[in-house]
Amino acid sequence: MAVNLEYIFDNDTVGTGCFSYMPGEFVWACTNVCNLKCKHCSLDSGKPWPDELTTEEGKKLIYDIWKYFGPVKFAFTGGEPLMREDIYDLIKFAFEKTRMQIVMATNGTLLTKENIRKLLDAGMWRVGVSIDGVGKKHDELRGVPGCFDEVYKNLKLAKEMGLRFQFHSTISKLNVDEVPKIIDLAEELGAYRIYFVLLITTGRGKNLDDLTPEEAKKLAEYLYERQKTSSVWLKPICNPCYTLFLREKMKKDYEEGKINVYPRVKPIGCPAGITRFHFLPNGDIWPCAYVPMKVGNVREGDLYELLINNPYFKAIKLARGYHPDKYGFEEVDEETLKKLKKEFKEKYGFEPELKGICGECEYKKECGGCRARAYAKFGDFLAEDVTCYINEKALNGDN
């Protein structure tokens, strides 16, 4: 049974990230320990770091996020979070002491009957599981032979035990042809949705190849058509222009009488450093998991001050047309924005402006380009997104 298109932009169907309207997403990579060797890992995970946050420091981080930012989404990731010894204690604390939406990203290999029961008992009712292909292709990308079969078996068990799950699929030139198979698998197993993460060439994946704008657009077009019949929500992320693409496709189909749903939506684009923040195992703060740009550490001071009064996070908000001193996407009028930009440059010594095709684009507020891809390609958080497919210059190779 296909999902209903009228709900395609709803908060819970889109999740968070560059395709969402929730209050925000705060992600803690709670350990660097991992049992796989994924080709695209942003942290080059494997061995534990010597200075990872303790149980009490982790609980403080969780509670401080709730205290300052309210009912946001909070995610445990890694490495592999199920390899952290106190993970169930941390999950239980998060559920009992906050009203945040608590989720977890896992590679799925450790979702045994015992661990699924522990997750459910701690309060975790839905997890995101990494699936980058079917069979040998998944094993190839994850670096361990046989891991697909293990994950497949575990997901069938999770379904039986009542642990809901979604897929997280990193898409690159290596596996873009696997997308139809991944969707088939999700439909077979009853996954809730799939986050298709367009590759960011950072960490262990720094030498891999991005999709071209043409390839990214072809993928977007396929996902849009497949969504009309799929029982799974199909959500590209690290790809903020997809929301604009989807809106325009739906408008056209509506006007031509092909669908009966008009897309009333106001996209927010890339939330990195605005409503999305990433915390490393040792408490270092990044704008997101794919932007290795340390802006502070949770051990250094008040969390709110570290996130809101950071010049880089102020800069991206100003560059997008939002208030630099407020949490979230608070718009300001042009005169005020000009004044705030001038004050920022005088204080911090650089222009709070997007560059390249993103700087020229009319969709700064609605998209803004993927900040992680900009950083990966140019070492600049404010540079352009080279995988854009709504900008004609990008599609024509002029960027």
Protein backbone atom coordinates (compact mmCIF):
# COMPACT_ATOMS: atom_id res chain seq x y z
CA MET A 1 0.00 0.00 0.00
CA ALA A 2 1.50 3.34 -1.05
CA VAL A 3 1.93 6.25 1.33
CA ASN A 4 -0.34 9.25 0.87
CA LEU A 5 1.38 12.17 -0.87
CA GLU A 6 -0.60 14.71 1.15
CA TYR A 7 1.61 13.83 4.13
CA ILE A 8 4.90 14.00 2.27
CA PHE A 9 6.06 17.20 4.00
CA ASP A 10 4.75 16.35 7.49
CA ASN A 11 7.22 16.55 10.33
CA ASP A 12 7.34 12.90 11.24
CA THR A 13 7.52 11.69 7.65
CA VAL A 14 10.44 13.92 6.79
CA GLY A 15 12.32 13.50 10.04
CA THR A 16 14.99 16.11 10.56
CA GLY A 17 17.98 17.44 8.75
CA CYS A 18 17.72 19.40 5.50
CA PHE A 19 14.17 18.20 4.93
CA SER A 20 12.32 19.14 8.10
CA TYR A 21 10.53 21.66 10.28
CA MET A 22 11.08 20.19 13.73
CA PRO A 23 12.67 22.40 16.39
CA GLY A 24 16.05 20.84 15.69
CA GLU A 25 18.35 17.82 15.74
CA PHE A 26 21.22 17.28 18.17
CA VAL A 27 23.44 14.29 17.48
CA TRP A 28 26.01 12.71 19.79
CA ALA A 29 28.53 10.28 18.32
CA CYS A 30 28.85 8.67 21.73
CA THR A 31 31.81 6.45 20.88
CA ASN A 32 34.36 5.99 18.13
CA VAL A 33 34.37 2.22 18.62
CA CYS A 34 33.00 0.30 15.64
CA ASN A 35 33.02 -3.28 14.36
CA LEU A 36 32.79 -2.36 10.66
CA LYS A 37 35.16 -0.58 8.26
CA CYS A 38 32.87 1.51 6.09
CA LYS A 39 34.43 3.16 3.04
CA HIS A 40 32.63 6.46 3.65
CA CYS A 41 32.88 6.77 7.46
CA SER A 42 33.11 10.45 8.39
CA LEU A 43 34.96 9.71 11.66
CA ASP A 44 37.26 6.90 10.48
CA SER A 45 35.78 4.92 13.37
CA GLY A 46 37.26 1.77 14.88
CA LYS A 47 39.18 2.21 18.11
CA PRO A 48 37.94 4.18 21.15
CA TRP A 49 39.26 7.66 21.81
CA PRO A 50 41.04 8.04 25.15
CA ASP A 51 39.05 11.14 26.10
CA GLU A 52 35.45 10.09 25.31
CA LEU A 53 32.79 11.67 27.50
CA THR A 54 32.03 9.74 30.68
CA THR A 55 28.57 8.51 31.62
CA GLU A 56 27.95 11.57 33.79
CA GLU A 57 29.27 13.96 31.16
CA GLY A 58 27.03 12.29 28.60
CA LYS A 59 24.00 12.68 30.85
CA LYS A 60 24.86 16.34 31.40
CA LEU A 61 25.05 16.92 27.65
CA ILE A 62 21.67 15.24 27.14
CA TYR A 63 20.01 17.22 29.92
CA ASP A 64 21.56 20.54 28.87
CA ILE A 65 20.20 20.11 25.34
CA TRP A 66 16.73 19.50 26.77
CA LYS A 67 17.07 22.39 29.23
CA TYR A 68 18.12 24.96 26.63
CA PHE A 69 16.43 23.81 23.43
CA GLY A 70 13.34 21.87 24.44
CA PRO A 71 11.64 19.03 22.53
CA VAL A 72 14.19 18.60 19.75
CA LYS A 73 15.31 15.31 18.27
CA PHE A 74 18.31 13.77 20.03
CA ALA A 75 20.25 10.99 18.30
CA PHE A 76 22.87 8.54 19.53
CA THR A 77 25.35 7.60 16.79
CA GLY A 78 28.96 6.48 16.63
CA GLY A 79 31.07 4.62 15.69
CA GLU A 80 28.62 1.96 16.73
CA PRO A 81 26.65 3.17 19.78
CA LEU A 82 25.72 -0.36 20.86
CA MET A 83 29.42 -0.95 21.58
CA ARG A 84 29.37 1.66 24.34
CA GLU A 85 28.96 -0.20 27.65
CA ASP A 86 26.67 2.35 29.31
CA ILE A 87 24.46 2.97 26.25
CA TYR A 88 21.26 1.55 27.76
CA ASP A 89 21.74 3.63 30.90
CA LEU A 90 22.17 6.75 28.74
CA ILE A 91 19.09 5.93 26.66
CA LYS A 92 16.98 5.34 29.76
CA PHE A 93 18.17 8.63 31.26
CA ALA A 94 17.26 10.51 28.07
CA PHE A 95 13.75 9.03 28.02
CA GLU A 96 13.06 9.50 31.73
CA LYS A 97 14.57 12.97 32.23
CA THR A 98 13.63 14.75 28.98
CA ARG A 99 10.81 15.03 26.48
CA MET A 100 13.05 15.01 23.45
CA GLN A 101 12.49 12.55 20.61
CA ILE A 102 15.23 9.98 21.24
CA VAL A 103 16.56 7.92 18.34
CA MET A 104 19.65 5.93 17.42
CA ALA A 105 21.69 5.17 14.32
CA THR A 106 23.27 1.72 14.26
CA ASN A 107 24.89 -0.54 11.68
CA GLY A 108 22.45 -3.26 12.71
CA THR A 109 24.95 -6.05 13.26
CA LEU A 110 24.41 -6.01 17.04
CA LEU A 111 20.60 -6.01 17.05
CA THR A 112 20.43 -9.40 18.73
CA LYS A 113 17.35 -10.58 20.63
CA GLU A 114 19.00 -9.58 23.93
CA ASN A 115 20.01 -6.12 22.71
CA ILE A 116 16.64 -5.41 21.11
CA ARG A 117 14.97 -6.24 24.42
CA LYS A 118 17.38 -3.92 26.26
CA LEU A 119 16.63 -1.10 23.81
CA LEU A 120 12.90 -1.53 24.21
CA ASP A 121 13.17 -1.70 28.00
CA ALA A 122 15.28 1.48 28.02
CA GLY A 123 12.63 3.31 25.98
CA MET A 124 14.00 3.14 22.44
CA TRP A 125 11.23 2.31 20.01
CA ARG A 126 12.77 3.18 16.65
CA VAL A 127 16.29 3.01 15.23
CA GLY A 128 17.99 3.92 11.97
CA VAL A 129 19.94 1.07 10.38
CA SER A 130 22.69 1.46 7.78
CA ILE A 131 21.89 -0.25 4.47
CA ASP A 132 24.05 0.70 1.50
CA GLY A 133 23.12 -2.10 -0.84
CA VAL A 134 21.80 -5.62 -0.97
CA GLY A 135 24.04 -8.63 -0.39
CA LYS A 136 27.68 -8.34 -1.48
CA LYS A 137 27.42 -4.64 -2.39
CA HIS A 138 26.53 -3.77 1.22
CA ASP A 139 29.40 -5.96 2.49
CA GLU A 140 31.81 -4.29 0.06
CA LEU A 141 30.91 -0.79 1.25
CA ARG A 142 30.81 -1.75 4.93
CA GLY A 143 34.14 -3.59 4.80
CA VAL A 144 33.11 -6.86 6.47
CA PRO A 145 32.02 -9.97 4.52
CA GLY A 146 28.70 -11.41 5.66
CA CYS A 147 27.47 -8.32 7.50
CA PHE A 148 24.45 -7.90 5.19
CA ASP A 149 23.12 -11.36 6.05
CA GLU A 150 23.58 -10.60 9.75
CA VAL A 151 21.73 -7.29 9.49
CA TYR A 152 18.94 -8.83 7.40
CA LYS A 153 18.39 -11.54 10.03
CA ASN A 154 18.43 -8.94 12.82
CA LEU A 155 15.91 -6.68 11.10
CA LYS A 156 13.46 -9.55 10.72
CA LEU A 157 13.89 -10.17 14.45
CA ALA A 158 13.42 -6.47 15.25
CA LYS A 159 10.16 -6.46 13.31
CA GLU A 160 8.91 -9.49 15.25
CA MET A 161 9.83 -7.88 18.59
CA GLY A 162 8.25 -4.49 17.84
CA LEU A 163 11.37 -2.36 17.36
CA ARG A 164 10.58 -0.05 14.44
CA PHE A 165 13.35 0.90 12.06
CA GLN A 166 14.29 3.01 9.08
CA PHE A 167 17.21 2.73 6.68
CA HIS A 168 20.15 5.12 6.38
CA SER A 169 21.71 4.66 2.94
CA THR A 170 24.79 6.61 1.87
CA ILE A 171 24.59 7.02 -1.90
CA SER A 172 27.59 7.57 -4.16
CA LYS A 173 28.72 6.48 -7.61
CA LEU A 174 29.60 3.14 -6.02
CA ASN A 175 26.00 2.19 -5.22
CA VAL A 176 23.50 4.54 -6.86
CA ASP A 177 22.34 1.59 -8.98
CA GLU A 178 21.40 -0.22 -5.74
CA VAL A 179 18.67 2.30 -4.84
CA PRO A 180 15.76 0.32 -6.33
CA LYS A 181 16.93 -2.83 -4.50
CA ILE A 182 17.27 -0.91 -1.22
CA ILE A 183 13.68 0.33 -1.55
CA ASP A 184 12.47 -3.19 -2.38
CA LEU A 185 14.19 -4.46 0.76
CA ALA A 186 12.69 -1.70 2.91
CA GLU A 187 9.23 -2.55 1.62
CA GLU A 188 9.79 -6.26 2.27
CA LEU A 189 10.96 -5.71 5.85
CA GLY A 190 8.47 -2.97 6.73
CA ALA A 191 10.92 -0.11 7.23
CA TYR A 192 9.31 3.22 8.08
CA ARG A 193 11.42 5.40 5.78
CA ILE A 194 14.79 5.62 4.08
CA TYR A 195 17.21 8.48 4.49
CA PHE A 196 19.24 8.56 1.29
CA VAL A 197 22.38 10.41 2.40
CA LEU A 198 24.13 11.84 -0.63
CA LEU A 199 27.82 11.17 -0.04
CA ILE A 200 29.95 13.83 1.63
CA THR A 201 33.60 13.27 0.72
CA THR A 202 35.10 13.55 4.17
CA GLY A 203 36.77 11.24 6.69
CA ARG A 204 37.44 7.79 5.25
CA GLY A 205 35.40 8.74 2.18
CA LYS A 206 37.47 11.78 1.20
CA ASN A 207 38.72 10.13 -2.00
CA LEU A 208 35.35 8.84 -3.17
CA ASP A 209 33.40 10.57 -5.94
CA ASP A 210 30.27 12.68 -5.46
CA LEU A 211 27.29 12.25 -7.69
CA THR A 212 27.28 14.87 -10.43
CA PRO A 213 24.36 17.35 -10.45
CA GLU A 214 22.88 15.39 -13.37
CA GLU A 215 23.15 12.10 -11.46
CA ALA A 216 21.66 13.66 -8.32
CA LYS A 217 18.75 15.03 -10.35
CA LYS A 218 18.15 11.65 -11.99
CA LEU A 219 18.04 10.07 -8.52
CA ALA A 220 15.61 12.74 -7.30
CA GLU A 221 13.32 12.11 -10.26
CA TYR A 222 13.37 8.36 -9.66
CA LEU A 223 12.57 8.77 -5.95
CA TYR A 224 9.69 11.11 -6.69
CA GLU A 225 8.08 8.66 -9.09
CA ARG A 226 8.79 5.68 -6.84
CA GLN A 227 7.22 7.49 -3.88
CA LYS A 228 3.85 7.42 -5.63
CA THR A 229 3.68 3.63 -5.20
CA SER A 230 6.02 2.91 -2.29
CA SER A 231 4.88 2.10 1.25
CA VAL A 232 8.13 3.61 2.58
CA TRP A 233 8.92 7.34 2.90
CA LEU A 234 11.87 8.10 0.61
CA LYS A 235 13.89 11.04 1.91
CA PRO A 236 17.16 12.29 0.37
CA ILE A 237 19.21 14.24 2.93
CA CYS A 238 22.49 16.16 2.74
CA ASN A 239 20.67 17.36 -0.37
CA PRO A 240 18.67 20.46 0.65
CA CYS A 241 17.62 21.38 -2.88
CA TYR A 242 15.53 18.19 -3.06
CA THR A 243 12.73 19.86 -1.10
CA LEU A 244 12.51 22.61 -3.72
CA PHE A 245 12.70 20.05 -6.51
CA LEU A 246 9.92 18.02 -4.88
CA ARG A 247 7.72 21.08 -4.36
CA GLU A 248 8.01 22.15 -8.00
CA LYS A 249 7.40 18.61 -9.31
CA MET A 250 4.27 18.32 -7.18
CA LYS A 251 3.01 21.74 -8.28
CA LYS A 252 3.42 20.74 -11.94
CA ASP A 253 1.71 17.38 -11.42
CA TYR A 254 -1.11 19.09 -9.53
CA GLU A 255 -1.64 21.66 -12.27
CA GLU A 256 -1.70 18.88 -14.87
CA GLY A 257 -4.21 16.87 -12.84
CA LYS A 258 -1.84 13.97 -12.16
CA ILE A 259 -2.12 14.28 -8.36
CA ASN A 260 -4.72 15.93 -6.13
CA VAL A 261 -2.27 17.32 -3.55
CA TYR A 262 -0.94 20.89 -3.70
CA PRO A 263 2.44 21.17 -1.89
CA ARG A 264 1.95 23.92 0.69
CA VAL A 265 5.43 23.98 2.17
CA LYS A 266 8.14 26.47 3.10
CA PRO A 267 11.49 24.65 2.99
CA ILE A 268 14.26 25.54 5.43
CA GLY A 269 17.24 23.99 3.68
CA CYS A 270 20.48 22.96 5.35
CA PRO A 271 20.20 23.34 9.15
CA ALA A 272 23.90 22.76 9.99
CA GLY A 273 24.93 25.24 12.67
CA ILE A 274 21.38 26.62 12.83
CA THR A 275 19.18 23.89 14.30
CA ARG A 276 21.47 20.92 13.79
CA PHE A 277 24.57 20.29 15.88
CA HIS A 278 26.95 17.36 16.19
CA PHE A 279 28.92 16.28 19.25
CA LEU A 280 31.93 14.01 18.93
CA PRO A 281 32.85 11.23 21.40
CA ASN A 282 35.11 13.65 23.31
CA GLY A 283 32.58 16.51 23.31
CA ASP A 284 33.98 18.49 20.38
CA ILE A 285 31.26 20.43 18.54
CA TRP A 286 30.77 20.34 14.77
CA PRO A 287 27.93 21.87 12.71
CA CYS A 288 27.00 18.38 11.52
CA ALA A 289 28.49 14.90 11.26
CA TYR A 290 30.12 15.69 7.92
CA VAL A 291 31.69 19.08 8.71
CA PRO A 292 34.97 18.45 10.59
CA MET A 293 35.13 22.05 11.77
CA LYS A 294 35.59 22.18 15.53
CA VAL A 295 33.93 25.26 17.03
CA GLY A 296 34.25 24.33 20.71
CA ASN A 297 33.89 21.52 23.24
CA VAL A 298 31.08 20.84 25.68
CA ARG A 299 33.62 20.68 28.50
CA GLU A 300 34.62 24.30 27.85
CA GLY A 301 31.54 26.15 29.06
CA ASP A 302 27.82 26.75 28.85
CA LEU A 303 26.23 24.79 26.00
CA TYR A 304 23.86 27.56 24.93
CA GLU A 305 26.72 30.08 24.70
CA LEU A 306 28.86 27.62 22.74
CA LEU A 307 26.15 27.04 20.14
CA ILE A 308 24.45 30.41 19.83
CA ASN A 309 27.33 32.84 20.32
CA ASN A 310 29.66 31.07 17.92
CA PRO A 311 30.83 33.34 15.06
CA TYR A 312 30.64 30.59 12.42
CA PHE A 313 27.10 29.69 13.34
CA LYS A 314 26.17 33.38 13.40
CA ALA A 315 27.74 33.75 9.96
CA ILE A 316 25.72 30.99 8.34
CA LYS A 317 22.48 32.39 9.76
CA LEU A 318 23.29 35.86 8.46
CA ALA A 319 24.32 34.45 5.08
CA ARG A 320 20.93 32.74 4.83
CA GLY A 321 19.01 35.85 5.98
CA TYR A 322 18.28 34.83 9.58
CA HIS A 323 18.92 36.51 12.93
CA PRO A 324 22.45 35.66 14.15
CA ASP A 325 21.64 35.84 17.86
CA LYS A 326 18.55 33.63 17.84
CA TYR A 327 18.19 29.87 17.83
CA GLY A 328 16.56 28.68 14.65
CA PHE A 329 15.29 30.24 11.43
CA GLU A 330 14.12 33.66 12.60
CA GLU A 331 13.87 35.96 9.60
CA VAL A 332 14.81 39.65 9.68
CA ASP A 333 13.98 42.48 7.27
CA GLU A 334 16.54 43.59 4.68
CA GLU A 335 17.51 46.80 6.46
CA THR A 336 18.14 45.02 9.76
CA LEU A 337 20.02 42.23 7.97
CA LYS A 338 22.34 44.71 6.28
CA LYS A 339 23.05 46.37 9.63
CA LEU A 340 23.72 43.03 11.36
CA LYS A 341 26.07 41.91 8.57
CA LYS A 342 28.06 45.13 8.85
CA GLU A 343 28.37 44.76 12.62
CA PHE A 344 29.44 41.14 12.19
CA LYS A 345 32.21 41.98 9.73
CA GLU A 346 33.51 44.76 11.98
CA LYS A 347 33.62 42.39 14.95
CA TYR A 348 34.86 39.15 13.34
CA GLY A 349 36.71 40.35 10.24
CA PHE A 350 35.01 38.32 7.51
CA GLU A 351 31.91 38.57 5.34
CA PRO A 352 28.92 36.49 6.47
CA GLU A 353 27.97 35.58 2.91
CA LEU A 354 27.50 32.40 0.90
CA LYS A 355 29.83 32.05 -2.07
CA GLY A 356 29.68 30.79 -5.65
CA ILE A 357 26.37 29.55 -6.99
CA CYS A 358 24.88 29.46 -3.47
CA GLY A 359 25.72 33.15 -2.96
CA GLU A 360 23.95 34.10 -6.19
CA CYS A 361 20.96 31.82 -5.69
CA GLU A 362 17.42 33.08 -5.07
CA TYR A 363 16.81 30.14 -2.71
CA LYS A 364 19.24 31.09 0.07
CA LYS A 365 16.56 30.96 2.75
CA GLU A 366 14.81 27.87 1.41
CA CYS A 367 17.92 25.83 0.61
CA GLY A 368 21.31 27.45 1.23
CA GLY A 369 23.18 24.46 -0.21
CA CYS A 370 24.73 21.61 1.76
CA ARG A 371 27.27 23.19 4.09
CA ALA A 372 29.07 19.87 4.59
CA ARG A 373 29.68 19.38 0.89
CA ALA A 374 30.92 22.97 0.63
CA TYR A 375 33.41 22.37 3.45
CA ALA A 376 34.53 19.02 2.01
CA LYS A 377 35.27 20.54 -1.39
CA PHE A 378 36.65 23.94 -0.45
CA GLY A 379 37.48 23.87 3.27
CA ASP A 380 34.99 26.71 3.66
CA PHE A 381 31.69 26.43 5.53
CA LEU A 382 30.27 29.25 3.36
CA ALA A 383 31.33 27.92 -0.05
CA GLU A 384 29.03 26.54 -2.75
CA ASP A 385 27.34 23.14 -2.98
CA VAL A 386 28.76 21.44 -6.08
CA THR A 387 25.97 18.84 -6.31
CA CYS A 388 23.13 21.35 -6.71
CA TYR A 389 20.65 20.49 -9.46
CA ILE A 390 18.19 23.37 -9.20
CA ASN A 391 20.76 25.96 -10.27
CA GLU A 392 21.31 26.08 -14.03
CA LYS A 393 24.98 27.06 -13.64
CA ALA A 394 25.63 23.89 -11.67
CA LEU A 395 23.80 21.70 -14.18
CA ASN A 396 25.68 23.35 -17.05
CA GLY A 397 29.04 22.89 -15.34
CA ASP A 398 29.63 26.62 -14.92
CA ASN A 399 30.16 26.62 -11.14
